N, C-alpha and C. Protein backbone atom coordinates (compact mmCIF):
# COMPACT_ATOMS: atom_id res chain seq x y z
N MET A 1 126.55 106.84 159.14
CA MET A 1 126.14 105.64 160.18
C MET A 1 127.48 106.18 161.35
N ALA A 2 126.90 106.56 162.37
CA ALA A 2 127.01 107.10 164.04
C ALA A 2 127.36 105.33 164.63
N GLY A 3 128.78 105.06 165.10
CA GLY A 3 128.95 104.18 165.66
C GLY A 3 129.76 104.15 166.88
N ILE A 4 129.52 103.12 167.99
CA ILE A 4 130.08 104.20 169.25
C ILE A 4 131.46 104.29 169.50
N PHE A 5 132.62 103.77 168.01
CA PHE A 5 133.67 104.22 167.60
C PHE A 5 133.69 104.98 166.38
N PRO A 6 132.93 106.35 166.14
CA PRO A 6 132.69 107.09 165.01
C PRO A 6 134.51 108.00 164.46
N PHE A 7 135.26 107.25 165.04
CA PHE A 7 136.16 108.10 165.38
C PHE A 7 137.42 107.57 163.72
N LEU A 8 136.70 106.26 164.08
CA LEU A 8 137.50 105.22 162.61
C LEU A 8 137.05 105.69 161.23
N ASN A 9 136.50 105.86 161.14
CA ASN A 9 135.22 106.75 159.28
C ASN A 9 135.51 108.07 159.48
N ALA A 10 136.23 108.87 160.67
CA ALA A 10 136.42 110.29 160.60
C ALA A 10 137.46 110.96 159.54
N PRO A 11 136.80 112.37 158.16
CA PRO A 11 137.42 112.06 157.24
C PRO A 11 138.74 112.32 157.51
N GLY A 12 139.30 112.63 156.57
CA GLY A 12 141.45 112.26 156.73
C GLY A 12 142.00 110.55 157.58
N VAL A 13 141.30 109.83 158.58
CA VAL A 13 141.61 108.57 158.51
C VAL A 13 142.27 107.76 157.11
N GLY A 14 143.18 107.50 156.82
CA GLY A 14 143.81 106.47 156.12
C GLY A 14 143.32 106.91 154.75
N SER A 15 143.51 108.46 154.78
CA SER A 15 143.33 109.20 153.48
C SER A 15 145.19 108.75 152.69
N VAL A 16 144.50 109.83 151.69
CA VAL A 16 146.05 109.77 150.36
C VAL A 16 146.33 110.52 150.27
N LYS A 17 147.47 111.23 149.99
CA LYS A 17 147.55 112.48 149.75
C LYS A 17 148.37 111.40 148.51
N LYS A 18 148.15 112.77 146.69
CA LYS A 18 148.97 111.85 145.89
C LYS A 18 150.04 112.42 145.90
N ASP A 19 151.10 113.13 146.17
CA ASP A 19 152.13 114.16 146.88
C ASP A 19 153.07 112.65 147.41
N LEU A 20 152.47 111.49 147.68
CA LEU A 20 153.69 110.74 148.97
C LEU A 20 154.98 110.13 148.07
N PRO A 21 155.56 110.41 148.50
CA PRO A 21 157.12 109.34 148.11
C PRO A 21 157.11 108.20 148.38
N MET A 22 158.16 107.88 147.30
CA MET A 22 157.96 106.29 147.48
C MET A 22 158.82 106.07 149.15
N PHE A 23 157.74 105.05 149.94
CA PHE A 23 157.48 104.45 151.46
C PHE A 23 159.07 103.27 151.55
N ARG A 24 159.90 103.82 152.11
CA ARG A 24 161.25 103.03 152.82
C ARG A 24 161.10 102.88 153.89
N GLU A 25 161.62 100.88 154.10
CA GLU A 25 161.64 100.86 155.58
C GLU A 25 163.27 99.99 155.34
N TYR A 26 163.53 99.71 156.60
CA TYR A 26 164.94 99.44 156.33
C TYR A 26 163.63 97.27 156.59
N ALA A 27 164.85 96.56 156.00
CA ALA A 27 163.80 95.14 155.75
C ALA A 27 164.53 95.12 157.14
N TRP A 28 163.52 93.59 157.81
CA TRP A 28 163.62 92.98 159.17
C TRP A 28 163.33 91.62 158.51
N ASP A 29 164.19 91.17 159.78
CA ASP A 29 164.53 89.61 160.05
C ASP A 29 163.90 88.99 161.14
N TYR A 30 162.57 88.63 161.15
CA TYR A 30 161.26 87.76 162.03
C TYR A 30 161.94 87.35 163.17
N GLU A 31 162.53 86.42 162.72
CA GLU A 31 162.93 85.36 163.45
C GLU A 31 164.41 85.49 164.38
N GLU A 32 165.47 86.85 163.93
CA GLU A 32 166.67 87.24 164.74
C GLU A 32 165.30 88.43 165.62
N ASN A 33 164.56 88.47 164.99
CA ASN A 33 163.44 89.99 165.52
C ASN A 33 164.53 91.04 165.64
N GLY A 34 165.42 91.59 164.52
CA GLY A 34 166.23 92.68 164.11
C GLY A 34 166.23 92.98 162.92
N MET A 35 167.45 93.52 162.66
CA MET A 35 167.34 94.55 161.05
C MET A 35 168.12 93.54 159.93
N GLN A 36 167.20 93.52 158.59
CA GLN A 36 168.82 92.19 158.02
C GLN A 36 169.81 92.82 157.51
N LEU A 37 170.87 92.70 157.52
CA LEU A 37 172.22 93.62 157.28
C LEU A 37 173.20 92.48 156.60
N VAL A 38 172.84 92.81 154.80
CA VAL A 38 174.50 92.15 154.27
C VAL A 38 175.20 92.81 153.55
N ASN A 39 176.37 92.01 154.07
CA ASN A 39 177.49 92.92 154.40
C ASN A 39 177.67 94.32 155.43
N GLY A 40 177.08 93.91 156.85
CA GLY A 40 177.05 95.05 157.19
C GLY A 40 175.87 95.94 157.38
N THR A 41 175.82 96.32 156.07
CA THR A 41 174.73 97.25 156.15
C THR A 41 172.62 97.03 156.12
N PRO A 42 172.22 97.46 156.18
CA PRO A 42 171.19 97.03 155.96
C PRO A 42 170.33 97.84 155.14
N VAL A 43 169.18 96.70 154.76
CA VAL A 43 169.04 96.70 153.32
C VAL A 43 167.74 97.43 153.80
N ILE A 44 166.77 97.73 151.91
CA ILE A 44 166.25 99.16 151.70
C ILE A 44 165.26 98.41 151.46
N LEU A 45 163.92 98.30 151.87
CA LEU A 45 162.92 97.83 151.03
C LEU A 45 161.55 98.94 151.05
N GLU A 46 161.12 99.17 149.54
CA GLU A 46 160.21 99.94 149.41
C GLU A 46 158.53 99.27 149.00
N GLY A 47 158.11 100.58 148.76
CA GLY A 47 156.22 100.01 148.53
C GLY A 47 155.96 98.50 149.66
N ASN A 48 155.57 98.08 149.43
CA ASN A 48 153.92 97.16 150.79
C ASN A 48 155.44 96.59 150.81
N GLU A 49 156.33 96.04 150.42
CA GLU A 49 157.35 95.50 151.17
C GLU A 49 158.22 95.98 152.67
N ALA A 50 157.92 97.35 152.26
CA ALA A 50 158.78 98.29 152.91
C ALA A 50 157.28 98.60 154.48
N LEU A 51 156.28 98.49 154.02
CA LEU A 51 155.05 99.00 154.84
C LEU A 51 154.68 97.50 155.36
N ARG A 52 154.89 96.51 155.20
CA ARG A 52 154.68 94.84 155.36
C ARG A 52 155.40 94.99 156.85
N VAL A 53 157.02 95.65 157.04
CA VAL A 53 157.85 95.53 157.85
C VAL A 53 157.31 96.78 158.96
N TRP A 54 157.13 97.99 157.93
CA TRP A 54 155.96 98.61 158.98
C TRP A 54 154.55 98.64 160.43
N ILE A 55 153.96 97.90 159.31
CA ILE A 55 152.92 97.34 160.02
C ILE A 55 153.47 95.82 161.54
N TYR A 56 153.99 95.36 160.89
CA TYR A 56 154.81 93.83 161.79
C TYR A 56 155.39 95.12 163.27
N LYS A 57 155.94 96.20 162.66
CA LYS A 57 157.26 96.81 163.82
C LYS A 57 155.51 98.26 164.57
N ALA A 58 155.30 98.34 164.03
CA ALA A 58 153.28 98.82 164.90
C ALA A 58 153.16 98.91 165.54
N LEU A 59 152.44 97.25 165.11
CA LEU A 59 151.67 96.16 166.31
C LEU A 59 152.52 95.10 167.34
N GLN A 60 153.55 95.38 166.98
CA GLN A 60 154.60 95.42 168.44
C GLN A 60 154.92 96.02 168.92
N THR A 61 155.15 97.44 168.61
CA THR A 61 155.23 98.28 169.62
C THR A 61 154.21 99.04 170.34
N ALA A 62 154.23 98.85 171.97
CA ALA A 62 153.36 99.76 172.54
C ALA A 62 153.10 100.85 172.87
N ARG A 63 151.79 100.96 172.34
CA ARG A 63 151.28 102.66 172.05
C ARG A 63 151.99 103.36 173.27
N TYR A 64 152.12 104.25 173.72
CA TYR A 64 152.27 105.65 174.86
C TYR A 64 153.87 104.71 175.88
N ARG A 65 154.15 104.11 175.25
CA ARG A 65 155.10 103.54 176.51
C ARG A 65 157.03 104.09 176.42
N HIS A 66 157.11 104.66 175.09
CA HIS A 66 158.21 104.49 174.04
C HIS A 66 159.13 106.25 173.61
N LEU A 67 159.68 107.01 174.00
CA LEU A 67 159.52 108.61 174.30
C LEU A 67 159.57 108.60 172.87
N GLY A 68 160.64 107.69 172.36
CA GLY A 68 161.43 107.73 170.41
C GLY A 68 159.76 107.90 169.89
N TYR A 69 158.91 107.70 169.92
CA TYR A 69 157.81 107.41 168.94
C TYR A 69 157.16 108.57 169.52
N THR A 70 156.39 109.23 168.09
CA THR A 70 154.89 109.49 168.88
C THR A 70 154.00 109.01 169.52
N ARG A 71 152.56 109.77 169.99
CA ARG A 71 151.40 108.63 170.54
C ARG A 71 151.37 108.66 170.25
N SER A 72 150.93 108.55 168.28
CA SER A 72 150.17 107.91 167.76
C SER A 72 150.72 106.84 166.77
N TYR A 73 151.81 106.53 167.05
CA TYR A 73 152.34 105.63 166.63
C TYR A 73 152.69 104.24 167.92
N GLY A 74 152.38 102.44 167.19
CA GLY A 74 151.81 102.04 168.68
C GLY A 74 150.33 101.48 168.02
N SER A 75 150.45 100.26 168.99
CA SER A 75 149.21 99.56 168.99
C SER A 75 148.61 99.54 171.09
N GLU A 76 147.93 99.03 170.72
CA GLU A 76 147.18 98.51 172.29
C GLU A 76 146.51 97.44 172.60
N LEU A 77 147.45 96.43 172.15
CA LEU A 77 146.91 95.02 172.28
C LEU A 77 147.18 94.88 173.62
N GLU A 78 148.19 95.30 174.06
CA GLU A 78 148.59 94.26 175.25
C GLU A 78 147.40 95.16 176.36
N LYS A 79 147.44 95.76 175.96
CA LYS A 79 146.54 96.17 176.89
C LYS A 79 144.90 94.82 177.57
N LEU A 80 144.94 93.64 176.33
CA LEU A 80 143.99 92.68 176.35
C LEU A 80 144.71 91.54 177.24
N ILE A 81 146.10 91.92 177.54
CA ILE A 81 146.58 90.97 178.19
C ILE A 81 145.87 90.76 179.64
N GLY A 82 145.72 89.62 180.24
CA GLY A 82 145.10 88.91 181.13
C GLY A 82 143.30 89.93 181.27
N SER A 83 142.84 90.15 180.37
CA SER A 83 141.31 90.44 180.37
C SER A 83 140.48 89.40 180.83
N SER A 84 139.76 89.89 181.54
CA SER A 84 138.15 89.46 181.56
C SER A 84 137.32 88.81 179.91
N TYR A 85 137.65 89.40 178.58
CA TYR A 85 136.51 89.34 177.90
C TYR A 85 136.20 88.15 177.47
N THR A 86 135.18 88.39 176.43
CA THR A 86 135.43 87.01 176.37
C THR A 86 135.71 86.39 174.98
N LEU A 87 135.81 85.73 174.60
CA LEU A 87 136.38 85.22 173.05
C LEU A 87 135.89 86.47 172.01
N GLY A 88 134.23 86.87 172.05
CA GLY A 88 133.88 87.01 170.28
C GLY A 88 134.42 88.91 171.50
N ALA A 89 133.94 89.04 172.16
CA ALA A 89 135.35 90.60 172.86
C ALA A 89 136.57 90.80 172.87
N THR A 90 137.04 89.43 172.66
CA THR A 90 138.42 89.80 172.57
C THR A 90 139.23 90.30 171.10
N GLN A 91 138.00 89.24 169.95
CA GLN A 91 138.29 89.84 169.28
C GLN A 91 138.07 90.90 168.21
N ILE A 92 137.21 91.40 169.23
CA ILE A 92 136.48 92.67 168.41
C ILE A 92 137.34 93.41 169.10
N GLU A 93 138.28 94.17 170.06
CA GLU A 93 139.32 94.78 170.55
C GLU A 93 140.38 94.49 169.82
N VAL A 94 140.38 93.42 169.47
CA VAL A 94 141.59 93.24 168.07
C VAL A 94 141.27 93.86 167.01
N GLU A 95 140.40 93.83 166.62
CA GLU A 95 140.09 94.91 165.07
C GLU A 95 140.34 96.26 165.60
N ARG A 96 140.05 95.93 166.70
CA ARG A 96 139.64 97.65 166.99
C ARG A 96 141.05 98.76 166.98
N TYR A 97 142.64 98.14 168.00
CA TYR A 97 143.10 97.88 168.48
C TYR A 97 144.37 98.03 166.89
N VAL A 98 143.85 96.85 166.35
CA VAL A 98 144.83 96.69 164.81
C VAL A 98 144.55 98.23 163.85
N ARG A 99 143.27 98.11 163.85
CA ARG A 99 142.72 99.38 162.90
C ARG A 99 143.92 100.71 163.40
N GLU A 100 143.48 100.95 164.89
CA GLU A 100 143.19 102.08 165.31
C GLU A 100 145.02 102.54 165.23
N ALA A 101 145.69 101.11 165.35
CA ALA A 101 147.50 101.66 165.09
C ALA A 101 148.20 101.42 163.61
N LEU A 102 147.21 101.25 162.87
CA LEU A 102 147.45 101.11 161.36
C LEU A 102 147.21 102.56 160.32
N LEU A 103 145.92 102.52 160.66
CA LEU A 103 145.55 103.89 159.99
C LEU A 103 145.74 104.61 159.88
N VAL A 104 146.85 104.71 161.32
CA VAL A 104 147.90 106.14 160.94
C VAL A 104 148.54 106.92 160.36
N ASN A 105 149.24 105.60 159.73
CA ASN A 105 150.29 105.93 158.39
C ASN A 105 149.28 105.83 156.93
N PRO A 106 149.70 107.70 156.16
CA PRO A 106 148.92 107.95 155.34
C PRO A 106 149.23 107.20 153.83
N TYR A 107 149.82 105.76 153.78
CA TYR A 107 150.41 105.15 152.73
C TYR A 107 149.21 104.27 153.36
N ILE A 108 148.97 104.31 154.30
CA ILE A 108 147.59 102.86 154.39
C ILE A 108 146.54 103.34 154.07
N ARG A 109 145.45 103.13 152.99
CA ARG A 109 144.53 103.59 153.03
C ARG A 109 142.77 103.13 153.37
N SER A 110 142.99 101.74 153.78
CA SER A 110 141.72 101.17 154.62
C SER A 110 142.99 99.22 155.12
N VAL A 111 141.79 99.13 156.04
CA VAL A 111 142.42 97.90 156.31
C VAL A 111 140.70 97.18 156.60
N PRO A 112 141.08 96.09 155.47
CA PRO A 112 139.51 95.95 155.75
C PRO A 112 138.96 94.45 156.03
N GLN A 113 140.20 93.63 156.20
CA GLN A 113 140.15 92.31 157.53
C GLN A 113 141.71 92.30 158.17
N VAL A 114 141.16 91.99 159.61
CA VAL A 114 141.86 91.17 160.18
C VAL A 114 141.23 90.09 161.18
N LYS A 115 141.94 89.29 161.22
CA LYS A 115 142.27 87.78 161.63
C LYS A 115 142.85 87.43 162.94
N ALA A 116 142.15 87.24 164.76
CA ALA A 116 142.39 87.13 165.27
C ALA A 116 142.83 85.63 165.71
N LEU A 117 143.58 84.93 166.29
CA LEU A 117 143.05 83.82 166.40
C LEU A 117 143.70 83.29 167.80
N LEU A 118 142.87 82.81 168.89
CA LEU A 118 144.02 82.80 170.04
C LEU A 118 143.83 81.60 170.09
N ASP A 119 144.90 81.16 170.58
CA ASP A 119 145.11 79.79 170.31
C ASP A 119 146.03 79.44 172.09
N GLY A 120 145.36 78.94 173.36
CA GLY A 120 145.70 79.14 174.55
C GLY A 120 145.85 80.50 175.11
N GLU A 121 146.61 80.67 175.52
CA GLU A 121 147.22 82.42 175.84
C GLU A 121 147.70 82.66 174.98
N ARG A 122 147.78 82.47 173.69
CA ARG A 122 148.57 83.37 172.45
C ARG A 122 147.89 83.63 171.39
N LEU A 123 147.63 84.74 171.56
CA LEU A 123 147.18 85.45 170.44
C LEU A 123 148.14 85.80 168.80
N THR A 124 147.52 85.11 168.03
CA THR A 124 148.26 85.30 167.02
C THR A 124 147.38 86.01 165.78
N GLY A 125 147.49 85.98 164.12
CA GLY A 125 146.47 86.05 162.84
C GLY A 125 147.33 86.94 161.97
N TYR A 126 146.33 87.59 161.10
CA TYR A 126 146.78 88.09 160.17
C TYR A 126 146.55 89.40 159.53
N VAL A 127 146.52 90.46 159.15
CA VAL A 127 145.89 91.09 158.55
C VAL A 127 145.63 91.92 157.36
N ILE A 128 144.87 92.14 156.22
CA ILE A 128 145.24 93.10 154.54
C ILE A 128 144.80 93.86 154.66
N VAL A 129 145.76 94.94 154.44
CA VAL A 129 145.70 96.36 153.87
C VAL A 129 145.93 95.79 152.85
N GLU A 130 144.60 97.54 152.51
CA GLU A 130 145.17 98.43 151.46
C GLU A 130 145.73 99.59 151.37
N THR A 131 147.00 99.05 150.89
CA THR A 131 147.70 100.73 150.36
C THR A 131 147.50 101.03 148.82
N VAL A 132 148.44 102.30 149.46
CA VAL A 132 148.19 103.19 148.29
C VAL A 132 149.24 101.92 146.57
N TYR A 133 150.14 101.13 147.63
CA TYR A 133 150.28 100.42 146.39
C TYR A 133 149.31 99.04 146.16
N GLY A 134 148.66 98.98 146.58
CA GLY A 134 147.92 98.04 146.07
C GLY A 134 148.02 97.54 147.80
N GLU A 135 147.21 96.31 148.01
CA GLU A 135 146.84 94.89 148.95
C GLU A 135 148.30 94.33 149.27
N VAL A 136 148.24 94.32 150.55
CA VAL A 136 148.77 93.81 151.55
C VAL A 136 148.59 92.45 152.74
N LYS A 137 149.10 91.69 152.84
CA LYS A 137 148.93 90.39 153.78
C LYS A 137 149.65 90.39 154.94
N ALA A 138 149.86 91.00 156.33
CA ALA A 138 150.87 90.65 157.30
C ALA A 138 150.07 90.09 158.16
N ASP A 139 151.27 89.81 159.07
CA ASP A 139 150.99 88.47 160.85
C ASP A 139 150.97 89.58 161.19
N VAL A 140 149.80 89.10 161.58
CA VAL A 140 149.77 90.36 163.33
C VAL A 140 150.84 89.33 164.28
């Protein structure tokens, strides 16, 4: 079924390779917004816990802004700041931007649920993601 965003269902988007190594990421301290350290050494997570960190960081990073990241990494959520979209249109765009940001990761199979909550001027919510390791829920 063709939609106005046909690339979201394109073959290969969110597909899984069987020979993927274990996904690893440094543990993240969300309150301090920095790497978790134990005795000065970074903690390394694996599987869904590592993917939860990757999801958080990908959604917090502005796409196309930092030369250290590929053009496919990050999100475009900040485009919604100051927009004149209705609440409904904003929620639809949040869902689209989140899915576009996450489905570039080969460990992520699908993003079945994106919940956006607009509280005044603050956008919060959560996302449920199907990964090669199972389901993971992450805050947005």
